[in-house]
Amino acid sequence: MHSAQMLAQVTSDDLLSYGLIPEFVGRLPVTVTVEPLGHVALMRILTDPRNAIVKQFQHLFALDEVELVFTQEALSLAAALALKHRTGARGLRSIIEEALLNVMYEIPSNKQIRKCVITGAVIRGETDPEIYDEYGRELGADLHKAA
């Protein structure tokens, strides 16, 4: 039996035998457990809520007139890393921030940048984000020279 399934079957007697005092257990009207978040749930947390992590960063980039795009692979990999590191939804923000850190400092000083694409390779730390100008030309390695 999975630990989450076992935890869902905990009773007040179990809490007492674990060592909690009866006065405390008596004040717990309901004992509730939650299931751990899976890969699909973590991906939805990145994109679906009104204040989703991806939407927040897209808004920040839009303030500098830059479109921020995440590939499906990037979102999937971010969710997989959060699962692997057992950080859950809280770890998603730090994974995304790490991928965007350098480009976030570059955008305000380089007015040529109009689009930033985050791929799976960026999330893995293997490459920098793909950066494009207003004509769709990749700025890439010449990013510092273009400023």
Protein backbone atom coordinates (compact mmCIF):
# COMPACT_ATOMS: atom_id res chain seq x y z
CA MET A 1 0.00 0.00 0.00
CA HIS A 2 1.31 3.48 -0.92
CA SER A 3 2.14 5.81 2.00
CA ALA A 4 -0.49 8.36 0.88
CA GLN A 5 -3.13 5.61 0.93
CA MET A 6 -2.06 4.52 4.41
CA LEU A 7 -2.09 8.10 5.69
CA ALA A 8 -5.65 8.54 4.44
CA GLN A 9 -6.74 5.76 6.83
CA VAL A 10 -5.34 7.42 9.99
CA THR A 11 -7.82 7.62 12.86
CA SER A 12 -7.90 9.59 16.12
CA ASP A 13 -6.75 6.45 17.95
CA ASP A 14 -3.70 6.29 15.67
CA LEU A 15 -2.82 9.87 16.57
CA LEU A 16 -3.16 9.08 20.27
CA SER A 17 -0.95 6.00 19.97
CA TYR A 18 1.59 8.10 18.06
CA GLY A 19 1.88 10.31 21.13
CA LEU A 20 -0.41 13.28 20.59
CA ILE A 21 -2.23 14.31 23.76
CA PRO A 22 -5.98 13.60 23.95
CA GLU A 23 -6.81 17.30 24.53
CA PHE A 24 -5.21 18.17 21.20
CA VAL A 25 -6.70 15.25 19.25
CA GLY A 26 -10.15 16.11 20.66
CA ARG A 27 -9.90 19.56 19.11
CA LEU A 28 -9.30 18.12 15.63
CA PRO A 29 -12.81 17.78 14.21
CA VAL A 30 -11.60 16.27 10.95
CA THR A 31 -8.42 14.54 9.90
CA VAL A 32 -7.63 15.18 6.24
CA THR A 33 -4.87 14.03 3.92
CA VAL A 34 -3.89 15.16 0.45
CA GLU A 35 -2.56 13.17 -2.45
CA PRO A 36 0.87 14.13 -3.77
CA LEU A 37 0.83 16.16 -6.97
CA GLY A 38 1.62 14.31 -10.17
CA HIS A 39 3.29 15.42 -13.39
CA VAL A 40 0.07 16.55 -15.08
CA ALA A 41 -1.03 18.54 -12.01
CA LEU A 42 2.33 20.32 -11.83
CA MET A 43 2.14 21.24 -15.53
CA ARG A 44 -1.36 22.65 -14.98
CA ILE A 45 -0.08 24.69 -12.01
CA LEU A 46 2.47 26.27 -14.33
CA THR A 47 -0.13 27.44 -16.86
CA ASP A 48 -3.78 27.20 -15.79
CA PRO A 49 -4.51 29.38 -12.73
CA ARG A 50 -5.17 33.07 -13.21
CA ASN A 51 -1.87 33.87 -11.48
CA ALA A 52 0.07 30.89 -12.90
CA ILE A 53 3.86 31.06 -12.79
CA VAL A 54 4.18 31.17 -16.59
CA LYS A 55 1.57 33.95 -16.84
CA GLN A 56 3.38 35.99 -14.20
CA PHE A 57 6.66 35.87 -16.08
CA GLN A 58 4.95 36.54 -19.41
CA HIS A 59 3.45 39.68 -17.87
CA LEU A 60 6.85 40.82 -16.56
CA PHE A 61 8.42 40.33 -19.98
CA ALA A 62 5.49 42.11 -21.66
CA LEU A 63 6.31 45.22 -19.60
CA ASP A 64 9.49 45.39 -21.73
CA GLU A 65 7.52 44.52 -24.88
CA VAL A 66 8.99 41.02 -25.05
CA GLU A 67 6.92 37.91 -25.77
CA LEU A 68 7.87 34.99 -23.52
CA VAL A 69 7.13 31.52 -24.90
CA PHE A 70 7.59 28.15 -23.20
CA THR A 71 7.65 24.99 -25.29
CA GLN A 72 5.57 22.05 -24.11
CA GLU A 73 8.84 20.16 -23.55
CA ALA A 74 10.09 22.93 -21.25
CA LEU A 75 6.93 22.84 -19.14
CA SER A 76 7.01 19.05 -18.96
CA LEU A 77 10.67 19.04 -17.96
CA ALA A 78 10.09 21.68 -15.25
CA ALA A 79 7.32 19.50 -13.79
CA ALA A 80 9.56 16.42 -13.99
CA LEU A 81 12.38 18.24 -12.17
CA ALA A 82 10.01 19.34 -9.41
CA LEU A 83 8.92 15.72 -9.00
CA LYS A 84 12.50 14.44 -9.08
CA HIS A 85 13.65 16.93 -6.44
CA ARG A 86 10.45 16.39 -4.42
CA THR A 87 9.83 20.13 -4.27
CA GLY A 88 6.31 20.00 -5.67
CA ALA A 89 4.56 23.16 -6.76
CA ARG A 90 6.83 25.36 -4.65
CA GLY A 91 9.86 24.19 -6.60
CA LEU A 92 8.36 25.11 -9.96
CA ARG A 93 8.99 28.83 -9.50
CA SER A 94 12.67 28.36 -8.72
CA ILE A 95 13.11 26.07 -11.75
CA ILE A 96 11.53 28.68 -14.05
CA GLU A 97 13.43 31.54 -12.42
CA GLU A 98 16.73 29.75 -12.90
CA ALA A 99 16.01 29.30 -16.60
CA LEU A 100 15.11 32.99 -16.99
CA LEU A 101 17.69 34.57 -14.71
CA ASN A 102 20.27 35.76 -17.25
CA VAL A 103 17.80 36.88 -19.88
CA MET A 104 15.79 38.86 -17.32
CA TYR A 105 18.84 41.03 -16.71
CA GLU A 106 19.58 41.34 -20.43
CA ILE A 107 16.14 42.44 -21.66
CA PRO A 108 15.89 45.92 -20.09
CA SER A 109 19.27 46.96 -21.54
CA ASN A 110 18.67 45.55 -25.03
CA LYS A 111 15.67 47.10 -26.79
CA GLN A 112 16.13 44.81 -29.83
CA ILE A 113 14.80 41.80 -27.95
CA ARG A 114 11.14 41.10 -28.80
CA LYS A 115 10.74 37.37 -28.16
CA CYS A 116 12.24 34.84 -25.77
CA VAL A 117 11.66 31.11 -26.19
CA ILE A 118 12.33 28.66 -23.35
CA THR A 119 12.96 25.09 -24.51
CA GLY A 120 13.67 21.87 -22.67
CA ALA A 121 17.40 22.40 -23.20
CA VAL A 122 17.14 25.73 -21.37
CA ILE A 123 15.39 24.10 -18.41
CA ARG A 124 18.11 21.42 -18.32
CA GLY A 125 20.74 24.20 -18.27
CA GLU A 126 22.32 23.04 -21.54
CA THR A 127 21.74 26.25 -23.50
CA ASP A 128 20.56 29.83 -23.22
CA PRO A 129 17.03 30.91 -24.12
CA GLU A 130 16.36 31.59 -27.80
CA ILE A 131 16.20 35.36 -28.29
CA TYR A 132 14.65 37.07 -31.34
CA ASP A 133 14.35 40.64 -32.59
CA GLU A 134 11.22 42.28 -34.00
CA TYR A 135 11.87 40.72 -37.43
CA GLY A 136 12.14 37.18 -36.08
CA ARG A 137 15.93 37.04 -36.44
CA GLU A 138 17.68 35.14 -33.70
CA LEU A 139 20.04 37.30 -31.66
CA GLY A 140 21.60 34.33 -29.82
CA ALA A 141 25.34 34.52 -29.19
CA ASP A 142 25.53 38.12 -30.41
CA LEU A 143 23.21 39.25 -27.62
CA HIS A 144 25.86 41.35 -25.83
CA LYS A 145 27.15 42.84 -29.09
CA ALA A 146 23.63 43.85 -30.20
CA ALA A 147 23.05 46.08 -27.17
